[in-house]
């Protein structure tokens, strides 16, 4: 549990708690609750099914509905246009990342897997200056380091 706490504290340091940012913080908490909910649901799902089969079943309906909405609103040509090279790279990468999470849920607790998913915070901090031109403060660096330490604690436990 200490690893999860370190990750949470690290995320808070990276994000920061600024005056007047309660709306953004509320959205963040709501998103975290959604992620926790579907991570727990996925953990239960892979107890009863192979991760890849579970993933296909979970994604079939939303993908079919989304495609139907796009075709209905914008036509088949818009759908063809959207299926460019970026989509053809991003779709399998997203599927693969989700599959890796499901396989991880077979071997570790949902809390640990959810915390390790937060390593994206470390990646975001590492790319903030060179890619986005953002200033990376010592507090953000400390937060990213706490996330990395928390993940290491989770991996060793």
N, C-alpha and C. Protein backbone atom coordinates (compact mmCIF):
# COMPACT_ATOMS: atom_id res chain seq x y z
N UNK A 1 0.82 -1.20 0.00
CA UNK A 1 0.00 0.00 0.00
C UNK A 1 0.86 1.26 0.00
N UNK A 2 2.09 1.17 0.54
CA UNK A 2 2.95 2.36 0.55
C UNK A 2 3.33 2.76 -0.87
N UNK A 3 3.48 1.81 -1.77
CA UNK A 3 3.78 2.13 -3.16
C UNK A 3 2.66 2.93 -3.81
N UNK A 4 1.43 2.53 -3.54
CA UNK A 4 0.27 3.24 -4.10
C UNK A 4 0.23 4.67 -3.53
N UNK A 5 0.52 4.81 -2.24
CA UNK A 5 0.52 6.14 -1.62
C UNK A 5 1.62 7.03 -2.23
N UNK A 6 2.79 6.46 -2.48
CA UNK A 6 3.87 7.23 -3.11
C UNK A 6 3.48 7.69 -4.52
N UNK A 7 2.85 6.79 -5.26
CA UNK A 7 2.41 7.16 -6.61
C UNK A 7 1.38 8.28 -6.53
N UNK A 8 0.40 8.16 -5.64
CA UNK A 8 -0.63 9.19 -5.50
C UNK A 8 -0.02 10.53 -5.11
N UNK A 9 0.90 10.52 -4.15
CA UNK A 9 1.55 11.76 -3.73
C UNK A 9 2.35 12.36 -4.88
N UNK A 10 3.05 11.51 -5.62
CA UNK A 10 3.82 11.98 -6.77
C UNK A 10 2.94 12.63 -7.81
N UNK A 11 1.81 12.01 -8.10
CA UNK A 11 0.87 12.59 -9.08
C UNK A 11 0.39 13.95 -8.61
N UNK A 12 0.08 14.06 -7.31
CA UNK A 12 -0.37 15.35 -6.77
C UNK A 12 0.72 16.41 -6.89
N UNK A 13 1.99 16.03 -6.64
CA UNK A 13 3.07 17.00 -6.77
C UNK A 13 3.25 17.46 -8.22
N UNK A 14 3.13 16.53 -9.15
CA UNK A 14 3.27 16.90 -10.56
C UNK A 14 2.13 17.82 -10.96
N UNK A 15 0.93 17.48 -10.56
CA UNK A 15 -0.26 18.26 -10.91
C UNK A 15 -0.28 19.58 -10.18
N UNK A 16 0.04 19.53 -8.90
CA UNK A 16 -0.01 20.73 -8.07
C UNK A 16 -1.43 21.04 -7.65
N UNK A 17 -1.55 21.66 -6.51
CA UNK A 17 -2.86 22.09 -6.01
C UNK A 17 -2.83 23.62 -5.94
N UNK A 18 -3.35 24.23 -6.98
CA UNK A 18 -3.34 25.69 -7.07
C UNK A 18 -4.67 26.24 -6.56
N UNK A 19 -4.63 27.43 -5.96
CA UNK A 19 -5.87 28.07 -5.54
C UNK A 19 -6.79 28.27 -6.74
N UNK A 20 -8.05 28.00 -6.54
CA UNK A 20 -9.02 28.17 -7.61
C UNK A 20 -9.05 27.03 -8.61
N UNK A 21 -8.29 25.98 -8.35
CA UNK A 21 -8.24 24.85 -9.29
C UNK A 21 -9.11 23.70 -8.83
N UNK A 22 -10.09 24.00 -7.98
CA UNK A 22 -10.91 22.92 -7.43
C UNK A 22 -11.72 22.20 -8.51
N UNK A 23 -12.13 22.92 -9.54
CA UNK A 23 -12.90 22.28 -10.62
C UNK A 23 -12.03 21.24 -11.34
N UNK A 24 -10.81 21.62 -11.66
CA UNK A 24 -9.88 20.69 -12.31
C UNK A 24 -9.56 19.52 -11.41
N UNK A 25 -9.39 19.79 -10.13
CA UNK A 25 -9.12 18.71 -9.18
C UNK A 25 -10.31 17.77 -9.09
N UNK A 26 -11.51 18.33 -9.09
CA UNK A 26 -12.73 17.50 -9.05
C UNK A 26 -12.81 16.61 -10.28
N UNK A 27 -12.48 17.17 -11.45
CA UNK A 27 -12.46 16.35 -12.67
C UNK A 27 -11.41 15.24 -12.55
N UNK A 28 -10.27 15.59 -12.01
CA UNK A 28 -9.20 14.60 -11.82
C UNK A 28 -9.63 13.47 -10.91
N UNK A 29 -10.30 13.81 -9.82
CA UNK A 29 -10.79 12.79 -8.88
C UNK A 29 -11.85 11.93 -9.56
N UNK A 30 -12.73 12.55 -10.33
CA UNK A 30 -13.77 11.80 -11.05
C UNK A 30 -13.15 10.84 -12.06
N UNK A 31 -12.14 11.31 -12.78
CA UNK A 31 -11.46 10.45 -13.74
C UNK A 31 -10.76 9.31 -13.03
N UNK A 32 -10.10 9.61 -11.91
CA UNK A 32 -9.43 8.57 -11.13
C UNK A 32 -10.43 7.52 -10.64
N UNK A 33 -11.61 7.97 -10.23
CA UNK A 33 -12.64 7.02 -9.79
C UNK A 33 -13.10 6.13 -10.94
N UNK A 34 -13.25 6.72 -12.12
CA UNK A 34 -13.63 5.91 -13.31
C UNK A 34 -12.55 4.89 -13.63
N UNK A 35 -11.29 5.32 -13.60
CA UNK A 35 -10.19 4.41 -13.89
C UNK A 35 -10.15 3.28 -12.86
N UNK A 36 -10.33 3.64 -11.59
CA UNK A 36 -10.35 2.61 -10.54
C UNK A 36 -11.49 1.63 -10.77
N UNK A 37 -12.66 2.17 -11.15
CA UNK A 37 -13.82 1.31 -11.39
C UNK A 37 -13.60 0.34 -12.53
N UNK A 38 -13.10 0.84 -13.67
CA UNK A 38 -12.93 -0.10 -14.78
C UNK A 38 -11.72 -1.00 -14.58
N UNK A 39 -10.74 -0.57 -13.78
CA UNK A 39 -9.63 -1.47 -13.47
C UNK A 39 -10.12 -2.63 -12.61
N UNK A 40 -10.98 -2.34 -11.63
CA UNK A 40 -11.55 -3.41 -10.80
C UNK A 40 -12.44 -4.34 -11.64
N UNK A 41 -13.23 -3.75 -12.54
CA UNK A 41 -14.08 -4.57 -13.42
C UNK A 41 -13.21 -5.45 -14.32
N UNK A 42 -12.14 -4.89 -14.85
CA UNK A 42 -11.24 -5.67 -15.70
C UNK A 42 -10.56 -6.78 -14.91
N UNK A 43 -10.19 -6.50 -13.67
CA UNK A 43 -9.56 -7.53 -12.84
C UNK A 43 -10.51 -8.71 -12.64
N UNK A 44 -11.77 -8.41 -12.42
CA UNK A 44 -12.77 -9.49 -12.28
C UNK A 44 -12.97 -10.20 -13.62
N UNK A 45 -12.98 -9.45 -14.70
CA UNK A 45 -13.19 -10.03 -16.03
C UNK A 45 -12.12 -11.04 -16.40
N UNK A 46 -10.85 -10.71 -16.10
CA UNK A 46 -9.78 -11.64 -16.48
C UNK A 46 -9.67 -12.82 -15.53
N UNK A 47 -10.44 -12.79 -14.45
CA UNK A 47 -10.54 -13.99 -13.60
C UNK A 47 -11.37 -15.06 -14.30
N UNK A 48 -12.24 -14.64 -15.21
CA UNK A 48 -13.19 -15.55 -15.85
C UNK A 48 -12.96 -15.77 -17.33
N UNK A 49 -12.00 -15.04 -17.91
CA UNK A 49 -11.78 -15.17 -19.36
C UNK A 49 -10.32 -14.87 -19.68
N UNK A 50 -9.88 -15.37 -20.80
CA UNK A 50 -8.56 -15.05 -21.32
C UNK A 50 -8.50 -13.55 -21.58
N UNK A 51 -7.39 -12.87 -21.24
CA UNK A 51 -7.32 -11.43 -21.42
C UNK A 51 -7.63 -10.95 -22.85
N UNK A 52 -7.12 -11.64 -23.86
CA UNK A 52 -7.39 -11.19 -25.23
C UNK A 52 -8.85 -11.38 -25.62
N UNK A 53 -9.42 -12.51 -25.23
CA UNK A 53 -10.85 -12.73 -25.52
C UNK A 53 -11.70 -11.70 -24.79
N UNK A 54 -11.36 -11.43 -23.54
CA UNK A 54 -12.07 -10.43 -22.75
C UNK A 54 -11.97 -9.06 -23.42
N UNK A 55 -10.78 -8.70 -23.87
CA UNK A 55 -10.57 -7.41 -24.51
C UNK A 55 -11.40 -7.26 -25.77
N UNK A 56 -11.44 -8.28 -26.59
CA UNK A 56 -12.23 -8.23 -27.82
C UNK A 56 -13.71 -8.05 -27.49
N UNK A 57 -14.19 -8.82 -26.52
CA UNK A 57 -15.60 -8.72 -26.15
C UNK A 57 -15.93 -7.34 -25.58
N UNK A 58 -15.04 -6.80 -24.75
CA UNK A 58 -15.27 -5.49 -24.13
C UNK A 58 -15.27 -4.38 -25.17
N UNK A 59 -14.42 -4.50 -26.19
CA UNK A 59 -14.31 -3.43 -27.17
C UNK A 59 -15.28 -3.53 -28.34
N UNK A 60 -15.84 -4.71 -28.60
CA UNK A 60 -16.71 -4.88 -29.77
C UNK A 60 -17.86 -3.89 -29.82
N UNK A 61 -18.64 -3.81 -28.78
CA UNK A 61 -19.83 -2.95 -28.79
C UNK A 61 -19.47 -1.48 -28.91
N UNK A 62 -18.55 -0.95 -28.08
CA UNK A 62 -18.24 0.48 -28.22
C UNK A 62 -17.67 0.83 -29.60
N UNK A 63 -16.84 -0.03 -30.16
CA UNK A 63 -16.28 0.24 -31.48
C UNK A 63 -17.38 0.23 -32.54
N UNK A 64 -18.26 -0.75 -32.47
CA UNK A 64 -19.35 -0.82 -33.45
C UNK A 64 -20.26 0.40 -33.35
N UNK A 65 -20.59 0.81 -32.13
CA UNK A 65 -21.46 1.98 -31.93
C UNK A 65 -20.76 3.23 -32.45
N UNK A 66 -19.49 3.39 -32.12
CA UNK A 66 -18.74 4.58 -32.57
C UNK A 66 -18.69 4.65 -34.09
N UNK A 67 -18.36 3.53 -34.72
CA UNK A 67 -18.31 3.51 -36.18
C UNK A 67 -19.67 3.84 -36.79
N UNK A 68 -20.73 3.29 -36.22
CA UNK A 68 -22.08 3.58 -36.72
C UNK A 68 -22.41 5.06 -36.58
N UNK A 69 -22.04 5.66 -35.47
CA UNK A 69 -22.31 7.10 -35.26
C UNK A 69 -21.53 7.93 -36.28
N UNK A 70 -20.27 7.61 -36.48
CA UNK A 70 -19.46 8.37 -37.44
C UNK A 70 -20.04 8.26 -38.85
N UNK A 71 -20.40 7.05 -39.25
CA UNK A 71 -20.97 6.85 -40.58
C UNK A 71 -22.31 7.58 -40.71
N UNK A 72 -23.12 7.50 -39.66
CA UNK A 72 -24.43 8.16 -39.69
C UNK A 72 -24.29 9.68 -39.79
N UNK A 73 -23.38 10.25 -39.00
CA UNK A 73 -23.24 11.71 -38.96
C UNK A 73 -22.44 12.27 -40.14
N UNK A 74 -21.39 11.53 -40.54
CA UNK A 74 -20.46 12.12 -41.51
C UNK A 74 -20.29 11.33 -42.80
N UNK A 75 -20.78 10.10 -42.82
CA UNK A 75 -20.67 9.29 -44.03
C UNK A 75 -19.43 8.40 -44.04
N UNK A 76 -19.45 7.47 -44.97
CA UNK A 76 -18.36 6.50 -45.09
C UNK A 76 -17.06 7.18 -45.50
N UNK A 77 -17.15 8.21 -46.33
CA UNK A 77 -15.93 8.91 -46.77
C UNK A 77 -15.17 9.50 -45.59
N UNK A 78 -15.88 10.06 -44.62
CA UNK A 78 -15.23 10.62 -43.43
C UNK A 78 -14.55 9.52 -42.63
N UNK A 79 -15.20 8.36 -42.57
CA UNK A 79 -14.61 7.23 -41.85
C UNK A 79 -13.33 6.78 -42.55
N UNK A 80 -13.37 6.66 -43.87
CA UNK A 80 -12.17 6.27 -44.63
C UNK A 80 -11.05 7.28 -44.41
N UNK A 81 -11.41 8.56 -44.41
CA UNK A 81 -10.42 9.61 -44.22
C UNK A 81 -9.78 9.52 -42.82
N UNK A 82 -10.58 9.18 -41.82
CA UNK A 82 -10.08 9.08 -40.45
C UNK A 82 -9.16 7.87 -40.26
N UNK A 83 -9.29 6.88 -41.11
CA UNK A 83 -8.47 5.68 -40.98
C UNK A 83 -7.14 5.83 -41.73
N UNK A 84 -6.43 6.88 -41.40
CA UNK A 84 -5.14 7.16 -42.01
C UNK A 84 -4.01 6.46 -41.26
N UNK A 85 -2.79 6.78 -41.62
CA UNK A 85 -1.61 6.14 -41.01
C UNK A 85 -1.55 6.28 -39.49
N UNK A 86 -1.90 7.45 -38.97
CA UNK A 86 -1.84 7.64 -37.51
C UNK A 86 -2.79 6.68 -36.80
N UNK A 87 -3.99 6.52 -37.34
CA UNK A 87 -4.96 5.60 -36.75
C UNK A 87 -4.48 4.16 -36.86
N UNK A 88 -3.87 3.84 -37.98
CA UNK A 88 -3.40 2.46 -38.19
C UNK A 88 -2.21 2.12 -37.28
N UNK A 89 -1.57 3.12 -36.72
CA UNK A 89 -0.51 2.89 -35.73
C UNK A 89 -1.10 2.95 -34.32
N UNK A 90 -1.93 3.95 -34.07
CA UNK A 90 -2.47 4.16 -32.72
C UNK A 90 -3.42 3.04 -32.29
N UNK A 91 -4.24 2.53 -33.20
CA UNK A 91 -5.23 1.51 -32.82
C UNK A 91 -4.57 0.24 -32.29
N UNK A 92 -3.62 -0.36 -33.01
CA UNK A 92 -2.99 -1.56 -32.45
C UNK A 92 -2.16 -1.27 -31.20
N UNK A 93 -1.56 -0.07 -31.14
CA UNK A 93 -0.79 0.28 -29.95
C UNK A 93 -1.69 0.38 -28.73
N UNK A 94 -2.86 0.98 -28.90
CA UNK A 94 -3.82 1.10 -27.80
C UNK A 94 -4.34 -0.27 -27.39
N UNK A 95 -4.67 -1.08 -28.37
CA UNK A 95 -5.13 -2.45 -28.10
C UNK A 95 -4.04 -3.21 -27.34
N UNK A 96 -2.81 -3.09 -27.78
CA UNK A 96 -1.69 -3.79 -27.13
C UNK A 96 -1.47 -3.32 -25.70
N UNK A 97 -1.55 -2.01 -25.49
CA UNK A 97 -1.36 -1.47 -24.15
C UNK A 97 -2.45 -1.99 -23.20
N UNK A 98 -3.69 -1.99 -23.69
CA UNK A 98 -4.81 -2.49 -22.89
C UNK A 98 -4.62 -3.98 -22.60
N UNK A 99 -4.17 -4.74 -23.60
CA UNK A 99 -3.93 -6.17 -23.42
C UNK A 99 -2.86 -6.40 -22.35
N UNK A 100 -1.80 -5.60 -22.37
CA UNK A 100 -0.74 -5.75 -21.36
C UNK A 100 -1.28 -5.49 -19.96
N UNK A 101 -2.15 -4.50 -19.83
CA UNK A 101 -2.77 -4.22 -18.53
C UNK A 101 -3.58 -5.42 -18.07
N UNK A 102 -4.34 -6.02 -18.98
CA UNK A 102 -5.16 -7.18 -18.62
C UNK A 102 -4.31 -8.36 -18.21
N UNK A 103 -3.21 -8.59 -18.91
CA UNK A 103 -2.29 -9.67 -18.51
C UNK A 103 -1.68 -9.36 -17.14
N UNK A 104 -1.34 -8.09 -16.90
CA UNK A 104 -0.79 -7.70 -15.60
C UNK A 104 -1.80 -7.95 -14.48
N UNK A 105 -3.08 -7.71 -14.77
CA UNK A 105 -4.12 -7.93 -13.75
C UNK A 105 -4.25 -9.40 -13.36
N UNK A 106 -3.77 -10.30 -14.21
CA UNK A 106 -3.79 -11.71 -13.85
C UNK A 106 -2.69 -12.05 -12.85
N UNK A 107 -1.68 -11.17 -12.75
CA UNK A 107 -0.51 -11.49 -11.92
C UNK A 107 -0.29 -10.55 -10.75
N UNK A 108 -1.05 -9.48 -10.66
CA UNK A 108 -0.86 -8.51 -9.59
C UNK A 108 -2.21 -7.93 -9.19
N UNK A 109 -2.22 -7.26 -8.05
CA UNK A 109 -3.47 -6.67 -7.57
C UNK A 109 -3.89 -5.51 -8.47
N UNK A 110 -5.17 -5.24 -8.47
CA UNK A 110 -5.70 -4.13 -9.27
C UNK A 110 -5.09 -2.80 -8.83
N UNK A 111 -4.88 -2.63 -7.52
CA UNK A 111 -4.29 -1.37 -7.02
C UNK A 111 -2.87 -1.20 -7.56
N UNK A 112 -2.11 -2.27 -7.57
CA UNK A 112 -0.73 -2.19 -8.08
C UNK A 112 -0.71 -1.87 -9.56
N UNK A 113 -1.56 -2.54 -10.32
CA UNK A 113 -1.59 -2.32 -11.77
C UNK A 113 -2.04 -0.89 -12.07
N UNK A 114 -3.04 -0.42 -11.36
CA UNK A 114 -3.53 0.95 -11.58
C UNK A 114 -2.42 1.96 -11.26
N UNK A 115 -1.67 1.70 -10.20
CA UNK A 115 -0.58 2.62 -9.83
C UNK A 115 0.53 2.61 -10.88
N UNK A 116 0.87 1.44 -11.38
CA UNK A 116 1.92 1.36 -12.39
C UNK A 116 1.49 2.08 -13.67
N UNK A 117 0.20 2.08 -13.96
CA UNK A 117 -0.29 2.80 -15.13
C UNK A 117 0.00 4.29 -15.02
N UNK A 118 0.19 4.78 -13.81
CA UNK A 118 0.47 6.20 -13.61
C UNK A 118 1.90 6.57 -13.99
N UNK A 119 2.69 5.60 -14.46
CA UNK A 119 4.03 5.96 -14.94
C UNK A 119 3.93 6.91 -16.12
N UNK A 120 2.76 7.03 -16.70
CA UNK A 120 2.57 8.02 -17.76
C UNK A 120 2.87 9.43 -17.24
N UNK A 121 2.71 9.63 -15.94
CA UNK A 121 3.03 10.92 -15.32
C UNK A 121 4.52 11.19 -15.46
N UNK A 122 5.34 10.16 -15.23
CA UNK A 122 6.78 10.31 -15.35
C UNK A 122 7.15 10.64 -16.80
N UNK A 123 6.53 9.95 -17.73
CA UNK A 123 6.79 10.20 -19.15
C UNK A 123 6.37 11.62 -19.53
N UNK A 124 5.23 12.06 -19.02
CA UNK A 124 4.75 13.42 -19.32
C UNK A 124 5.72 14.47 -18.79
N UNK A 125 6.24 14.27 -17.60
CA UNK A 125 7.20 15.23 -17.04
C UNK A 125 8.49 15.22 -17.86
N UNK A 126 8.93 14.02 -18.27
CA UNK A 126 10.16 13.93 -19.06
C UNK A 126 10.03 14.63 -20.41
N UNK A 127 8.84 14.60 -20.98
CA UNK A 127 8.62 15.21 -22.30
C UNK A 127 8.11 16.65 -22.24
N UNK A 128 7.76 17.12 -21.04
CA UNK A 128 7.14 18.45 -20.91
C UNK A 128 8.02 19.56 -21.47
N UNK A 129 9.30 19.58 -21.13
CA UNK A 129 10.18 20.65 -21.61
C UNK A 129 10.55 20.48 -23.08
N UNK A 130 11.08 19.32 -23.49
CA UNK A 130 11.54 19.23 -24.89
C UNK A 130 10.42 19.22 -25.93
N UNK A 131 9.26 18.67 -25.60
CA UNK A 131 8.19 18.55 -26.59
C UNK A 131 7.17 19.67 -26.47
N UNK A 132 6.78 19.99 -25.25
CA UNK A 132 5.72 20.99 -25.04
C UNK A 132 6.25 22.38 -24.70
N UNK A 133 7.54 22.48 -24.43
CA UNK A 133 8.11 23.77 -24.08
C UNK A 133 7.69 24.26 -22.71
N UNK A 134 7.25 23.37 -21.85
CA UNK A 134 6.83 23.76 -20.50
C UNK A 134 8.03 23.84 -19.57
N UNK A 135 7.89 24.64 -18.53
CA UNK A 135 8.90 24.72 -17.49
C UNK A 135 8.67 23.57 -16.52
N UNK A 136 9.71 22.81 -16.25
CA UNK A 136 9.59 21.70 -15.31
C UNK A 136 10.22 22.14 -14.00
N UNK A 137 9.38 22.33 -13.00
CA UNK A 137 9.82 22.83 -11.70
C UNK A 137 10.41 21.69 -10.87
N UNK A 138 11.18 22.04 -9.84
CA UNK A 138 11.69 21.00 -8.94
C UNK A 138 10.57 20.17 -8.31
N UNK A 139 9.42 20.82 -8.03
CA UNK A 139 8.29 20.10 -7.45
C UNK A 139 7.78 19.03 -8.42
N UNK A 140 7.70 19.36 -9.70
CA UNK A 140 7.23 18.38 -10.70
C UNK A 140 8.24 17.25 -10.83
N UNK A 141 9.53 17.59 -10.81
CA UNK A 141 10.56 16.54 -10.88
C UNK A 141 10.48 15.62 -9.67
N UNK A 142 10.27 16.22 -8.49
CA UNK A 142 10.14 15.42 -7.27
C UNK A 142 8.91 14.52 -7.36
N UNK A 143 7.83 15.04 -7.90
CA UNK A 143 6.62 14.23 -8.07
C UNK A 143 6.85 13.06 -9.00
N UNK A 144 7.52 13.31 -10.11
CA UNK A 144 7.83 12.22 -11.06
C UNK A 144 8.72 11.18 -10.40
N UNK A 145 9.68 11.64 -9.60
CA UNK A 145 10.57 10.70 -8.89
C UNK A 145 9.78 9.86 -7.88
N UNK A 146 8.83 10.50 -7.18
CA UNK A 146 8.00 9.74 -6.23
C UNK A 146 7.16 8.69 -6.94
N UNK A 147 6.63 9.02 -8.10
CA UNK A 147 5.88 8.04 -8.88
C UNK A 147 6.78 6.85 -9.23
N UNK A 148 7.99 7.15 -9.70
CA UNK A 148 8.93 6.07 -10.06
C UNK A 148 9.29 5.22 -8.85
N UNK A 149 9.53 5.86 -7.72
CA UNK A 149 9.84 5.11 -6.48
C UNK A 149 8.64 4.27 -6.06
N UNK A 150 7.45 4.84 -6.14
CA UNK A 150 6.24 4.09 -5.79
C UNK A 150 6.06 2.86 -6.66
N UNK A 151 6.31 3.02 -7.95
CA UNK A 151 6.20 1.87 -8.86
C UNK A 151 7.26 0.83 -8.52
N UNK A 152 8.47 1.26 -8.18
CA UNK A 152 9.52 0.32 -7.79
C UNK A 152 9.13 -0.44 -6.52
N UNK A 153 8.53 0.27 -5.57
CA UNK A 153 8.07 -0.39 -4.33
C UNK A 153 6.99 -1.44 -4.68
N UNK A 154 6.08 -1.08 -5.56
CA UNK A 154 5.04 -2.02 -5.97
C UNK A 154 5.63 -3.23 -6.68
N UNK A 155 6.64 -3.00 -7.51
CA UNK A 155 7.25 -4.10 -8.26
C UNK A 155 8.02 -5.04 -7.35
N UNK A 156 8.59 -4.51 -6.28
CA UNK A 156 9.37 -5.36 -5.37
C UNK A 156 8.51 -6.10 -4.36
N UNK A 157 7.26 -5.65 -4.21
CA UNK A 157 6.39 -6.25 -3.20
C UNK A 157 5.55 -7.25 -3.76
